[in-house]
Protein backbone atom coordinates (compact mmCIF):
# COMPACT_ATOMS: atom_id res chain seq x y z
CA UNK A 1 59.96 -6.19 42.45
CA UNK A 2 57.37 -4.14 40.54
CA UNK A 3 55.67 -3.24 43.83
CA UNK A 4 58.99 -1.95 45.27
CA UNK A 5 59.67 0.16 42.16
CA UNK A 6 56.19 1.63 42.31
CA UNK A 7 56.58 2.45 45.99
CA UNK A 8 59.89 4.25 45.39
CA UNK A 9 58.41 6.23 42.50
CA UNK A 10 55.47 7.36 44.60
CA UNK A 11 57.82 8.34 47.44
CA UNK A 12 59.97 10.44 45.07
CA UNK A 13 56.91 12.24 43.70
CA UNK A 14 55.65 12.96 47.21
CA UNK A 15 59.07 14.30 48.29
CA UNK A 16 59.33 16.52 45.19
CA UNK A 17 55.85 17.91 45.83
CA UNK A 18 56.87 18.68 49.41
CA UNK A 19 59.72 20.89 48.22
CA UNK A 20 58.72 24.43 47.26
CA UNK A 21 60.93 26.89 45.41
CA UNK A 22 60.83 30.39 46.94
CA UNK A 23 59.91 33.23 44.62
CA UNK A 24 59.93 36.87 45.58
CA UNK A 25 62.10 39.81 46.60
CA UNK A 26 64.52 39.70 49.53
CA UNK A 27 66.03 42.82 51.12
CA UNK A 28 68.80 42.36 53.71
CA UNK A 29 71.66 44.05 55.58
CA UNK A 30 74.35 42.46 57.76
CA UNK A 31 73.43 44.47 60.89
CA UNK A 32 69.78 45.64 61.01
CA UNK A 33 70.14 46.88 64.61
CA UNK A 34 73.13 49.00 65.65
CA UNK A 35 74.27 51.84 67.88
CA UNK A 36 74.98 55.31 66.50
CA UNK A 37 75.85 58.69 67.95
CA UNK A 38 74.22 62.07 67.50
CA UNK A 39 75.43 63.89 64.39
CA UNK A 40 76.87 60.75 62.82
CA UNK A 41 76.41 59.76 59.18
CA UNK A 42 75.80 56.01 58.87
CA UNK A 43 76.10 54.05 55.62
CA UNK A 44 74.21 50.76 55.77
CA UNK A 45 74.95 48.20 53.02
CA UNK A 46 71.79 46.71 51.49
CA UNK A 47 71.37 43.65 49.28
CA UNK A 48 68.25 43.36 47.09
CA UNK A 49 67.71 40.01 45.30
CA UNK A 50 65.09 38.75 42.87
CA UNK A 51 64.28 35.06 43.42
CA UNK A 52 62.60 33.57 40.34
CA UNK A 53 60.44 36.56 39.39
CA UNK A 54 60.24 38.17 35.95
CA UNK A 55 62.40 41.23 35.28
CA UNK A 56 60.99 44.26 37.06
CA UNK A 57 61.64 47.76 38.26
CA UNK A 58 61.75 47.96 42.05
CA UNK A 59 60.92 51.21 43.83
CA UNK A 60 62.82 52.06 47.03
CA UNK A 61 61.61 54.07 49.99
CA UNK A 62 61.91 54.39 53.77
CA UNK A 63 58.81 54.28 55.92
CA UNK A 64 58.63 55.67 59.44
CA UNK A 65 61.92 57.61 59.50
CA UNK A 66 62.13 59.75 62.68
CA UNK A 67 61.54 63.47 62.28
CA UNK A 68 64.69 65.38 61.41
CA UNK A 69 66.54 62.30 60.16
CA UNK A 70 67.76 62.36 56.54
CA UNK A 71 67.82 59.15 54.51
CA UNK A 72 68.84 58.41 50.93
CA UNK A 73 69.60 55.38 48.76
CA UNK A 74 72.94 55.21 46.96
CA UNK A 75 73.84 53.03 44.00
CA UNK A 76 77.31 53.17 42.44
CA UNK A 77 77.94 56.33 44.46
CA UNK A 78 74.82 58.17 43.21
CA UNK A 79 71.44 58.85 44.81
CA UNK A 80 68.85 56.41 43.42
CA UNK A 81 65.12 55.82 43.93
CA UNK A 82 64.70 52.49 42.14
CA UNK A 83 66.66 49.44 41.03
CA UNK A 84 66.11 47.13 38.06
CA UNK A 85 66.26 43.41 38.83
CA UNK A 86 66.58 40.62 36.28
CA UNK A 87 65.49 37.10 37.30
CA UNK A 88 67.73 35.75 40.08
CA UNK A 89 69.79 38.94 39.98
CA UNK A 90 71.17 40.96 42.90
CA UNK A 91 71.69 44.69 43.39
CA UNK A 92 73.96 46.10 46.08
CA UNK A 93 72.83 49.41 47.53
CA UNK A 94 73.68 51.72 50.41
CA UNK A 95 71.24 53.42 52.76
CA UNK A 96 72.74 56.70 53.95
CA UNK A 97 71.32 57.87 57.28
CA UNK A 98 72.18 61.27 58.75
CA UNK A 99 71.49 61.37 62.50
CA UNK A 100 70.53 64.86 63.79
CA UNK A 101 73.06 66.52 66.11
CA UNK A 102 70.40 67.42 68.68
CA UNK A 103 68.69 64.03 68.82
CA UNK A 104 68.12 62.51 72.25
CA UNK A 105 69.28 59.10 73.37
CA UNK A 106 66.96 56.18 72.70
CA UNK A 107 65.84 53.58 70.16
CA UNK A 108 64.66 54.74 66.75
CA UNK A 109 63.06 52.52 64.12
CA UNK A 110 62.32 52.73 60.42
CA UNK A 111 61.46 50.29 57.64
CA UNK A 112 63.09 49.98 54.24
CA UNK A 113 60.67 48.99 51.45
CA UNK A 114 61.41 47.58 48.00
CA UNK A 115 58.25 47.40 45.83
CA UNK A 116 58.23 45.64 42.47
CA UNK A 117 55.49 44.88 39.95
CA UNK A 118 54.64 41.51 41.47
CA UNK A 119 56.29 41.48 44.91
CA UNK A 120 57.62 43.63 47.71
CA UNK A 121 60.21 43.28 50.49
CA UNK A 122 60.44 44.89 53.92
CA UNK A 123 63.49 45.38 56.16
CA UNK A 124 62.92 46.79 59.68
CA UNK A 125 65.87 48.78 61.10
CA UNK A 126 66.62 49.81 64.67
CA UNK A 127 69.15 52.55 65.39
CA UNK A 128 69.98 53.20 69.03
CA UNK A 129 71.37 56.64 69.81
CA UNK A 130 73.56 56.50 72.89
CA UNK A 131 77.06 55.79 74.06
CA UNK A 132 79.37 54.24 71.47
CA UNK A 133 82.66 52.49 72.00
CA UNK A 134 85.51 54.93 72.59
CA UNK A 135 88.29 54.99 69.98
CA UNK A 136 90.63 52.08 70.64
CA UNK A 137 93.76 50.88 68.85
CA UNK A 138 95.91 47.78 69.09
CA UNK A 139 99.48 47.69 67.77
CA UNK A 140 101.43 44.42 67.70
CA UNK A 141 104.63 43.19 66.05
CA UNK A 142 105.65 39.67 65.04
CA UNK A 143 109.38 39.91 65.86
CA UNK A 144 110.20 42.85 68.15
CA UNK A 145 113.94 42.04 68.30
CA UNK A 146 116.07 41.92 65.14
CA UNK A 147 119.82 41.52 64.73
CA UNK A 148 122.12 42.99 62.08
CA UNK A 149 125.13 45.12 61.23
CA UNK A 150 125.40 48.92 61.03
CA UNK A 151 124.56 48.65 57.32
CA UNK A 152 121.41 46.58 57.92
CA UNK A 153 117.93 48.01 57.37
CA UNK A 154 115.84 46.46 60.16
CA UNK A 155 112.30 45.63 58.93
CA UNK A 156 109.59 44.92 61.50
CA UNK A 157 106.13 43.64 60.46
CA UNK A 158 103.48 45.28 62.66
CA UNK A 159 99.70 44.83 62.83
CA UNK A 160 97.47 47.84 63.57
CA UNK A 161 93.82 47.21 64.47
CA UNK A 162 90.97 49.68 64.94
CA UNK A 163 88.96 48.14 67.79
CA UNK A 164 86.33 50.88 67.90
CA UNK A 165 83.06 51.19 65.97
CA UNK A 166 84.11 54.29 64.07
CA UNK A 167 86.57 55.02 61.29
CA UNK A 168 89.86 56.57 62.42
CA UNK A 169 92.75 58.47 60.88
CA UNK A 170 95.77 57.14 62.77
CA UNK A 171 99.07 59.01 63.09
CA UNK A 172 102.27 56.97 63.25
CA UNK A 173 105.35 58.16 65.12
CA UNK A 174 108.63 56.82 66.48
CA UNK A 175 111.16 57.80 69.15
CA UNK A 176 114.56 56.42 68.12
CA UNK A 177 118.18 57.03 69.20
CA UNK A 178 119.97 59.94 67.57
CA UNK A 179 120.94 59.26 63.98
CA UNK A 180 118.45 56.42 63.49
CA UNK A 181 115.90 56.81 60.68
CA UNK A 182 112.44 55.25 61.03
CA UNK A 183 109.84 55.07 58.24
CA UNK A 184 106.39 53.47 58.02
CA UNK A 185 105.11 51.70 54.91
CA UNK A 186 101.75 49.93 54.45
CA UNK A 187 102.21 46.29 53.50
CA UNK A 188 102.81 45.71 49.76
CA UNK A 189 103.38 49.44 49.27
CA UNK A 190 106.65 51.26 48.84
CA UNK A 191 105.06 54.56 49.87
CA UNK A 192 106.20 56.10 53.14
CA UNK A 193 103.32 57.34 55.33
CA UNK A 194 102.86 59.18 58.61
CA UNK A 195 99.08 58.70 58.83
CA UNK A 196 96.88 55.74 57.99
CA UNK A 197 93.06 55.66 57.60
CA UNK A 198 91.51 52.57 59.20
CA UNK A 199 87.83 51.67 59.11
CA UNK A 200 85.96 50.48 62.18
CA UNK A 201 87.04 46.96 63.09
CA UNK A 202 89.64 46.87 60.32
CA UNK A 203 93.20 45.54 60.62
CA UNK A 204 96.15 46.74 58.54
CA UNK A 205 99.71 45.50 58.30
CA UNK A 206 102.49 48.07 58.46
CA UNK A 207 106.20 47.61 57.76
CA UNK A 208 108.46 49.60 60.09
CA UNK A 209 111.93 50.14 58.63
CA UNK A 210 114.78 51.27 60.90
CA UNK A 211 118.12 52.40 59.44
CA UNK A 212 121.01 53.00 61.90
CA UNK A 213 123.69 55.64 61.27
CA UNK A 214 126.76 54.28 59.41
CA UNK A 215 129.22 54.73 62.32
CA UNK A 216 126.98 53.37 65.07
CA UNK A 217 128.68 51.30 67.77
CA UNK A 218 127.70 47.72 68.50
CA UNK A 219 124.96 47.24 71.09
CA UNK A 220 121.19 47.11 71.68
CA UNK A 221 119.07 50.09 70.64
CA UNK A 222 115.44 50.67 71.63
CA UNK A 223 112.88 52.28 69.32
CA UNK A 224 109.50 53.36 70.72
CA UNK A 225 106.66 53.26 68.17
CA UNK A 226 103.20 54.74 68.74
CA UNK A 227 99.90 54.95 66.86
CA UNK A 228 97.56 57.82 67.84
CA UNK A 229 94.08 58.99 66.91
CA UNK A 230 92.58 61.54 69.26
CA UNK A 231 92.51 60.02 72.73
CA UNK A 232 93.25 56.54 71.39
CA UNK A 233 96.86 55.37 71.59
CA UNK A 234 98.75 52.11 71.14
CA UNK A 235 102.48 51.59 71.40
CA UNK A 236 105.22 49.01 71.31
CA UNK A 237 108.98 48.77 71.78
CA UNK A 238 111.35 47.52 69.09
CA UNK A 239 114.95 46.42 69.64
CA UNK A 240 117.74 46.56 67.07
CA UNK A 241 120.73 44.47 68.11
CA UNK A 242 123.72 45.76 66.17
CA UNK A 243 126.65 43.40 65.95
CA UNK A 244 129.59 45.66 65.13
CA UNK A 245 131.82 45.13 62.15
CA UNK A 246 135.32 46.38 61.39
CA UNK A 247 135.85 48.84 58.56
CA UNK A 248 139.47 49.31 57.52
CA UNK A 249 141.16 51.96 55.43
CA UNK A 250 144.74 52.18 54.13
CA UNK A 251 146.70 55.41 53.80
CA UNK A 252 150.09 56.94 54.64
CA UNK A 253 151.01 59.17 57.61
CA UNK A 254 150.66 62.27 55.41
CA UNK A 255 147.49 60.98 53.72
CA UNK A 256 148.99 60.66 50.23
CA UNK A 257 148.69 57.33 48.46
CA UNK A 258 152.11 57.55 46.85
CA UNK A 259 155.76 56.78 47.49
CA UNK A 260 159.19 56.43 45.89
CA UNK A 261 161.41 53.43 45.27
CA UNK A 262 164.65 52.70 43.45
CA UNK A 263 165.06 50.13 40.74
CA UNK A 264 166.71 46.99 42.09
CA UNK A 265 166.81 48.34 45.65
CA UNK A 266 164.51 47.81 48.66
CA UNK A 267 162.72 50.96 49.80
CA UNK A 268 160.41 51.26 52.85
CA UNK A 269 156.91 52.75 52.69
CA UNK A 270 155.03 53.37 55.92
CA UNK A 271 151.27 52.88 55.74
CA UNK A 272 148.57 53.49 58.34
CA UNK A 273 145.75 50.96 58.83
CA UNK A 274 142.71 52.66 60.40
CA UNK A 275 139.68 50.87 61.82
CA UNK A 276 136.69 53.16 61.32
CA UNK A 277 134.15 50.46 62.05
CA UNK A 278 132.17 49.58 65.17
CA UNK A 279 134.00 46.39 66.14
CA UNK A 280 137.56 45.23 66.63
CA UNK A 281 139.35 44.01 63.50
CA UNK A 282 140.91 40.63 64.27
CA UNK A 283 143.93 38.91 62.70
CA UNK A 284 144.48 41.43 59.93
CA UNK A 285 146.66 39.99 57.17
CA UNK A 286 148.25 41.86 54.27
CA UNK A 287 148.79 41.07 50.63
CA UNK A 288 149.72 42.96 47.48
CA UNK A 289 149.44 43.04 43.73
CA UNK A 290 152.50 44.54 42.06
CA UNK A 291 154.12 44.69 38.61
CA UNK A 292 155.95 41.63 37.33
CA UNK A 293 159.45 41.22 38.74
CA UNK A 294 158.78 43.33 41.83
CA UNK A 295 159.12 42.10 45.42
CA UNK A 296 156.90 43.34 48.26
CA UNK A 297 156.81 42.30 51.92
CA UNK A 298 155.09 43.59 55.06
CA UNK A 299 156.45 44.20 58.53
CA UNK A 300 154.61 42.95 60.52
CA UNK A 301 152.95 40.38 58.29
CA UNK A 302 149.87 40.25 60.51
CA UNK A 303 148.27 42.40 63.19
CA UNK A 304 146.39 40.45 65.85
CA UNK A 305 143.82 43.17 66.59
CA UNK A 306 142.95 46.78 65.77
CA UNK A 307 140.28 48.12 68.14
CA UNK A 308 137.41 50.19 66.75
CA UNK A 309 138.44 53.80 66.26
CA UNK A 310 142.18 53.06 66.46
CA UNK A 311 144.99 52.56 63.95
CA UNK A 312 148.25 50.69 63.43
CA UNK A 313 151.37 51.26 61.32
CA UNK A 314 152.85 48.78 58.87
CA UNK A 315 156.04 49.07 56.85
CA UNK A 316 155.87 47.89 53.26
CA UNK A 317 159.23 46.93 51.79
CA UNK A 318 159.17 47.58 48.06
CA UNK A 319 161.83 46.35 45.65
CA UNK A 320 161.15 47.21 42.00
CA UNK A 321 162.67 45.08 39.29
CA UNK A 322 166.25 45.96 38.46
CA UNK A 323 165.12 46.33 34.85
CA UNK A 324 162.37 48.81 35.73
CA UNK A 325 162.62 52.10 33.91
CA UNK A 326 161.98 55.41 35.59
CA UNK A 327 158.31 56.32 35.91
CA UNK A 328 155.12 55.82 37.89
CA UNK A 329 153.74 52.37 38.73
CA UNK A 330 150.58 51.21 40.49
CA UNK A 331 150.73 48.85 43.47
CA UNK A 332 147.58 47.51 45.17
CA UNK A 333 147.76 46.78 48.91
CA UNK A 334 145.09 44.73 50.70
CA UNK A 335 144.25 44.48 54.42
CA UNK A 336 142.09 41.44 55.16
CA UNK A 337 140.57 41.06 58.68
CA UNK A 338 139.35 37.64 59.70
CA UNK A 339 135.99 39.04 60.86
CA UNK A 340 135.31 41.54 58.09
CA UNK A 341 135.61 42.43 54.45
CA UNK A 342 138.98 43.14 52.79
CA UNK A 343 140.03 46.71 52.07
CA UNK A 344 142.08 47.58 48.97
CA UNK A 345 144.05 50.73 48.22
CA UNK A 346 146.04 51.68 45.12
CA UNK A 347 149.41 53.39 45.70
CA UNK A 348 151.36 55.23 43.03
CA UNK A 349 155.04 54.31 43.28
CA UNK A 350 157.54 56.51 41.46
CA UNK A 351 160.59 54.50 40.40
CA UNK A 352 163.96 56.26 40.17
CA UNK A 353 166.98 54.70 38.49
CA UNK A 354 170.73 55.29 39.02
CA UNK A 355 170.89 57.01 35.62
CA UNK A 356 168.38 59.52 36.72
CA UNK A 357 170.25 60.19 39.92
CA UNK A 358 173.52 60.54 37.95
CA UNK A 359 171.99 63.20 35.76
CA UNK A 360 170.60 64.92 38.82
CA UNK A 361 174.06 64.79 40.47
CA UNK A 362 175.81 66.25 37.43
CA UNK A 363 173.23 68.99 37.29
CA UNK A 364 173.74 69.85 40.93
CA UNK A 365 177.55 69.98 40.46
CA UNK A 366 177.17 72.24 37.42
CA UNK A 367 174.92 74.58 39.35
CA UNK A 368 177.40 74.69 42.25
CA UNK A 369 180.33 75.47 39.94
CA UNK A 370 178.36 78.18 38.24
CA UNK A 371 177.54 79.83 41.54
CA UNK A 372 181.20 79.61 42.60
CA UNK A 373 182.41 81.17 39.32
CA UNK A 374 180.00 84.07 39.68
CA UNK A 375 181.17 84.66 43.23
CA UNK A 376 184.85 84.72 42.20
CA UNK A 377 184.17 87.00 39.25
CA UNK A 378 182.24 89.45 41.37
CA UNK A 379 184.20 89.56 44.57
CA UNK A 380 187.67 88.69 43.21
CA UNK A 381 188.14 92.20 41.76
CA UNK A 382 187.82 93.72 45.21
């Protein structure tokens, strides 16, 4: 047993001695060899890390830069020449490289150096000047066909990808039927945009909101959407399926929401039911809310259908209470289609009583007698 324990202890010591902990500076970038074009400004991200060394100031420089090329180190947006590194600390830097406009095609190399008090790091770079990928865009949508009513705002979730190796400013545009409104909004933003900056290889989500005009007819409507940046273009087709809906209104033939009735007597009031919606109103039923003691009925009680854009007449039979006094009263009439929302309208009903009409009659007789007396007095002398 003691022999086995001693063997395991010796094995552990040997294994621990075989493991070495790295100490030094490491300088890296995700893509140390890449293609650029003449006149381009390239920003290369650099990572400088101190592995197990004491704190030290690290000088930065570029060795072997081609003639005419301009290079600079950036830290926190400023030009820097050195970076301070604590033990096991990391500094993120940017190497800005300006490629001359007149440079010829070919491979160009340079070396980035980081030199500390007790260590140094080297990072070879290769920049190839030549043909780069042409600008390319991809525009896709999750659900290209949406269904709703004329009051629906159709929201499409689109994905826009920059498939080139250069940053692009992309213009967004839409070709929609007359009266339709189309706006573009970046995801999680309520701001409307017409252009969108997209970095090389980046993907952005865009919400496309389509609002139809209020009186649009039912049917399918196509919206063409395009993203452009120079010669690059991507497009897609959206479809808004509008299921019409009825929209009723109540009025009278002369447009006035008023009428007259006599206390204790039935009086007719003609009303016009108009369908201003985009679909047929089906099985329209009528109801009312009137003062206590009143009686109201409709003729007809129900209309089977009112096509979109058309109207129908209904006679409302109103019988105020026999105890009603002369004056104005409010009556609410409701038209309720089976396939739509109810429409209410308030009508002012002026109630006249027999007493009122008696006074009016006496007044008319008095006026007539007065006119007759004047005529006799004037013309009788002749």
